[in-house]
Amino acid sequence: MRPQRPDRATRVWEKLRFLASQTDSVVTVEHACVICGDVLEAAGVGLTLVTGGGSAEPVFATDDRSRELEDLQFTLGEGPALDVTHDGVLVVITDVTGAEAARRWPIFTPEAIDRGVKSIIAVPIQTGAIKIGVVDCYRELAGLPSMEGQAEALVCAEAAIGLAVADVDVGRPGLAELIDLEFTEHRAQVHQATGMVSVQLDIGLADALVRLRAHAYAYGRKLGEVADDVVRRRVTFRPEP
């Protein structure tokens, strides 16, 4: 009699536990993100979380390129993570040089192409109507991964939900432990700078963030860099007298 093959969830958890065992740690949300990228044949992965106010903010990346692309989405206000946060559904772009990617993200897409990304799969992490975050998987291959890989990626997303909830229940740092300090510092500065621009121009916070993003894009800079200049008063948006 042929031995039964482990079911999909069992296989994914075996991968998660093996990855965690390499550093003698418990399985975390970070491991779920890494395995999600692995089963989708991604070269890099980024994680964006939904804040209490409903906005999407990057918190973690597996490599420098993914960190840049996550930060760019935050700077430009467009990209796969923002689409998933808004719509709550899986986003699959099999060829970033195609018309769909250009239509969805006219500014972000050329940046992804310049960095050697060929396709993108953004996996939602949510339970019911509650949106927790998005795992962006950046691939150096055009096309789709295997159907089994896609199915396992969704299991990884379910595992990430359970791990996030379990961490809160047992009092472990969980998601807080995962957050990349570089992202955190940028976001804190952006929020402070947004408030300052809002006061300088007497406009709402949403409009102030749009002005910051436009300035960063126009000068080819990161949003965090412009925000730092605003906070340090090296750049002002106050109208000339």
Protein backbone atom coordinates (compact mmCIF):
# COMPACT_ATOMS: atom_id res chain seq x y z
CA MET A 1 0.00 0.00 0.00
CA ARG A 2 1.43 3.40 -1.04
CA PRO A 3 2.10 5.72 1.96
CA GLN A 4 -0.24 8.68 2.19
CA ARG A 5 1.23 12.03 1.18
CA PRO A 6 0.97 14.70 3.92
CA ASP A 7 -1.76 17.23 3.24
CA ARG A 8 -0.86 20.73 2.07
CA ALA A 9 -1.13 22.41 5.49
CA THR A 10 1.06 19.73 7.05
CA ARG A 11 3.71 20.22 4.35
CA VAL A 12 3.74 23.99 4.82
CA TRP A 13 4.06 23.70 8.60
CA GLU A 14 6.90 21.23 8.17
CA LYS A 15 8.71 23.85 6.08
CA LEU A 16 7.98 26.54 8.66
CA ARG A 17 9.25 24.46 11.56
CA PHE A 18 12.38 23.45 9.65
CA LEU A 19 13.16 27.10 8.84
CA ALA A 20 12.65 28.09 12.47
CA SER A 21 14.87 25.23 13.64
CA GLN A 22 17.80 26.71 11.71
CA THR A 23 17.96 29.50 14.29
CA ASP A 24 16.56 27.44 17.16
CA SER A 25 13.47 29.66 17.39
CA VAL A 26 9.71 29.30 17.42
CA VAL A 27 7.80 29.72 14.15
CA THR A 28 6.98 33.38 13.53
CA VAL A 29 5.21 35.58 10.98
CA GLU A 30 8.62 36.25 9.41
CA HIS A 31 9.03 32.53 8.68
CA ALA A 32 5.57 32.45 7.09
CA CYS A 33 6.56 35.34 4.79
CA VAL A 34 9.85 33.69 3.80
CA ILE A 35 8.20 30.34 2.99
CA CYS A 36 5.44 32.15 1.09
CA GLY A 37 8.12 33.63 -1.16
CA ASP A 38 9.89 30.28 -1.42
CA VAL A 39 6.85 28.33 -2.64
CA LEU A 40 6.13 31.09 -5.18
CA GLU A 41 9.72 30.96 -6.46
CA ALA A 42 10.28 34.59 -5.44
CA ALA A 43 13.72 36.17 -5.25
CA GLY A 44 12.59 38.46 -2.44
CA VAL A 45 9.64 39.20 -0.18
CA GLY A 46 8.25 42.26 1.53
CA LEU A 47 5.57 42.54 4.21
CA THR A 48 3.19 45.47 4.52
CA LEU A 49 0.84 45.79 7.48
CA VAL A 50 -2.45 47.66 7.75
CA THR A 51 -2.35 50.26 10.51
CA GLY A 52 -5.16 51.17 12.87
CA GLY A 53 -6.08 54.03 10.54
CA GLY A 54 -6.38 51.65 7.59
CA SER A 55 -3.27 52.79 5.73
CA ALA A 56 -0.68 50.35 4.38
CA GLU A 57 2.88 50.65 5.70
CA PRO A 58 5.93 48.43 5.00
CA VAL A 59 7.50 46.70 7.99
CA PHE A 60 9.78 43.90 6.75
CA ALA A 61 11.76 42.71 3.72
CA THR A 62 14.06 39.76 3.09
CA ASP A 63 16.61 41.67 0.99
CA ASP A 64 17.69 45.16 -0.09
CA ARG A 65 15.78 45.13 -3.39
CA SER A 66 12.52 44.12 -1.73
CA ARG A 67 13.10 46.77 0.94
CA GLU A 68 13.52 49.41 -1.79
CA LEU A 69 10.37 48.29 -3.59
CA GLU A 70 8.31 48.26 -0.39
CA ASP A 71 9.61 51.74 0.46
CA LEU A 72 8.82 52.93 -3.08
CA GLN A 73 5.20 51.87 -2.74
CA PHE A 74 4.98 53.93 0.44
CA THR A 75 6.66 56.86 -1.33
CA LEU A 76 4.62 56.73 -4.54
CA GLY A 77 1.27 55.76 -3.10
CA GLU A 78 0.83 52.92 -5.62
CA GLY A 79 1.85 49.29 -5.96
CA PRO A 80 0.68 45.72 -5.32
CA ALA A 81 0.48 45.99 -1.54
CA LEU A 82 -1.74 49.07 -1.74
CA ASP A 83 -4.06 47.37 -4.25
CA VAL A 84 -4.42 44.30 -2.03
CA THR A 85 -5.00 46.48 1.03
CA HIS A 86 -7.76 48.31 -0.81
CA ASP A 87 -9.46 45.38 -2.56
CA GLY A 88 -8.61 42.48 -0.24
CA VAL A 89 -7.86 40.05 -3.08
CA LEU A 90 -4.77 38.30 -4.44
CA VAL A 91 -2.87 40.30 -7.07
CA VAL A 92 -0.98 38.37 -9.76
CA ILE A 93 1.06 40.15 -12.42
CA THR A 94 2.74 37.55 -14.61
CA ASP A 95 4.75 40.06 -16.66
CA VAL A 96 5.60 43.50 -15.27
CA THR A 97 6.49 44.72 -18.79
CA GLY A 98 2.90 44.12 -19.91
CA ALA A 99 0.00 46.53 -20.22
CA GLU A 100 -1.75 45.51 -16.99
CA ALA A 101 1.17 46.44 -14.74
CA ALA A 102 1.66 49.76 -16.55
CA ARG A 103 -2.04 50.55 -16.18
CA ARG A 104 -2.16 49.62 -12.50
CA TRP A 105 1.09 51.28 -11.40
CA PRO A 106 2.43 53.70 -14.04
CA ILE A 107 5.18 55.02 -11.76
CA PHE A 108 6.00 51.95 -9.65
CA THR A 109 6.21 49.52 -12.59
CA PRO A 110 9.30 51.05 -14.29
CA GLU A 111 11.07 51.03 -10.93
CA ALA A 112 10.35 47.31 -10.51
CA ILE A 113 11.54 46.59 -14.06
CA ASP A 114 14.76 48.54 -13.48
CA ARG A 115 15.44 46.29 -10.48
CA GLY A 116 15.11 43.08 -12.48
CA VAL A 117 11.63 42.07 -11.30
CA LYS A 118 9.74 40.07 -13.94
CA SER A 119 6.52 39.19 -12.10
CA ILE A 120 4.81 40.00 -8.80
CA ILE A 121 2.37 38.08 -6.62
CA ALA A 122 0.85 39.93 -3.67
CA VAL A 123 -0.86 37.67 -1.13
CA PRO A 124 -3.43 39.12 1.30
CA ILE A 125 -3.24 38.32 5.00
CA GLN A 126 -6.74 38.78 6.32
CA THR A 127 -9.46 37.08 8.28
CA GLY A 128 -12.98 37.77 7.06
CA ALA A 129 -13.27 41.51 6.48
CA ILE A 130 -10.34 42.27 8.79
CA LYS A 131 -7.23 43.12 6.76
CA ILE A 132 -3.93 42.47 8.52
CA GLY A 133 -1.35 42.86 5.77
CA VAL A 134 0.12 41.82 2.44
CA VAL A 135 3.07 39.63 1.45
CA ASP A 136 4.65 40.98 -1.75
CA CYS A 137 6.59 38.30 -3.63
CA TYR A 138 9.02 39.69 -6.21
CA ARG A 139 10.00 37.14 -8.88
CA GLU A 140 12.82 37.15 -11.44
CA LEU A 141 10.77 34.86 -13.71
CA ALA A 142 7.80 35.87 -15.85
CA GLY A 143 4.70 33.68 -15.73
CA LEU A 144 3.11 31.78 -12.88
CA PRO A 145 4.56 29.41 -10.31
CA SER A 146 2.98 25.97 -10.00
CA MET A 147 -0.65 25.64 -8.89
CA GLU A 148 0.61 23.79 -5.83
CA GLY A 149 2.95 26.67 -5.03
CA GLN A 150 0.07 29.14 -5.27
CA ALA A 151 -2.06 26.97 -2.99
CA GLU A 152 0.77 26.64 -0.46
CA ALA A 153 1.24 30.43 -0.50
CA LEU A 154 -2.37 30.85 0.66
CA VAL A 155 -1.70 28.36 3.46
CA CYS A 156 1.29 30.50 4.46
CA ALA A 157 -1.00 33.53 4.62
CA GLU A 158 -3.40 31.61 6.87
CA ALA A 159 -0.47 30.56 9.04
CA ALA A 160 0.65 34.19 9.33
CA ILE A 161 -2.79 35.15 10.65
CA GLY A 162 -2.72 32.38 13.25
CA LEU A 163 0.83 33.24 14.30
CA ALA A 164 0.02 36.94 14.67
CA VAL A 165 -3.02 36.17 16.83
CA ALA A 166 -1.14 33.55 18.87
CA ASP A 167 1.71 35.97 19.57
CA VAL A 168 -0.76 38.48 21.00
CA ASP A 169 -2.52 35.81 23.06
CA VAL A 170 0.67 34.52 24.71
CA GLY A 171 2.22 37.95 25.13
CA ARG A 172 5.11 37.46 22.66
CA PRO A 173 6.32 40.52 20.72
CA GLY A 174 5.28 38.83 17.45
CA LEU A 175 4.79 41.41 14.72
CA ALA A 176 6.58 44.10 16.72
CA GLU A 177 9.67 41.89 16.72
CA LEU A 178 9.48 41.60 12.94
CA ILE A 179 9.38 45.29 12.16
CA ASP A 180 12.46 46.61 10.34
CA LEU A 181 13.78 49.64 12.24
CA GLU A 182 14.72 51.36 8.97
CA PHE A 183 11.09 51.28 7.88
CA THR A 184 9.93 52.39 11.33
CA GLU A 185 12.18 55.45 11.39
CA HIS A 186 11.08 56.49 7.90
CA ARG A 187 7.39 56.16 8.76
CA ALA A 188 7.75 58.14 11.99
CA GLN A 189 9.46 60.96 10.11
CA VAL A 190 6.89 60.89 7.33
CA HIS A 191 4.02 61.18 9.80
CA GLN A 192 5.72 64.10 11.57
CA ALA A 193 6.57 65.82 8.29
CA THR A 194 3.01 65.32 7.02
CA GLY A 195 1.70 67.16 10.06
CA MET A 196 4.14 70.01 9.50
CA VAL A 197 3.24 70.36 5.82
CA SER A 198 -0.43 70.27 6.76
CA VAL A 199 0.11 73.26 9.03
CA GLN A 200 2.36 75.10 6.56
CA LEU A 201 -0.16 74.85 3.72
CA ASP A 202 -3.34 74.78 5.84
CA ILE A 203 -4.50 71.56 4.19
CA GLY A 204 -5.61 68.14 5.43
CA LEU A 205 -3.18 65.36 6.30
CA ALA A 206 -4.09 63.27 3.24
CA ASP A 207 -3.38 66.21 0.91
CA ALA A 208 -0.17 67.00 2.79
CA LEU A 209 1.06 63.42 2.26
CA VAL A 210 0.28 63.73 -1.46
CA ARG A 211 2.40 66.91 -1.61
CA LEU A 212 5.28 65.15 0.16
CA ARG A 213 5.08 62.21 -2.24
CA ALA A 214 4.98 64.49 -5.26
CA HIS A 215 8.03 66.39 -4.03
CA ALA A 216 9.96 63.16 -3.41
CA TYR A 217 9.12 61.82 -6.87
CA ALA A 218 9.90 65.09 -8.64
CA TYR A 219 13.38 65.21 -7.11
CA GLY A 220 14.08 61.47 -7.36
CA ARG A 221 14.34 61.03 -3.61
CA LYS A 222 12.90 58.67 -1.02
CA LEU A 223 9.90 59.88 0.91
CA GLY A 224 11.77 59.34 4.18
CA GLU A 225 14.63 61.57 3.03
CA VAL A 226 12.29 64.44 2.13
CA ALA A 227 10.42 63.98 5.40
CA ASP A 228 13.70 64.19 7.31
CA ASP A 229 14.51 67.48 5.56
CA VAL A 230 11.08 68.86 6.44
CA VAL A 231 11.40 67.82 10.09
CA ARG A 232 14.90 69.39 10.26
CA ARG A 233 13.50 72.49 8.52
CA ARG A 234 15.87 72.20 5.58
CA VAL A 235 12.81 72.07 3.30
CA THR A 236 9.61 74.01 3.78
CA PHE A 237 6.35 73.93 1.90
CA ARG A 238 5.27 77.29 3.30
CA PRO A 239 4.24 79.65 0.46
CA GLU A 240 6.63 82.47 -0.33
CA PRO A 241 5.44 85.79 1.17
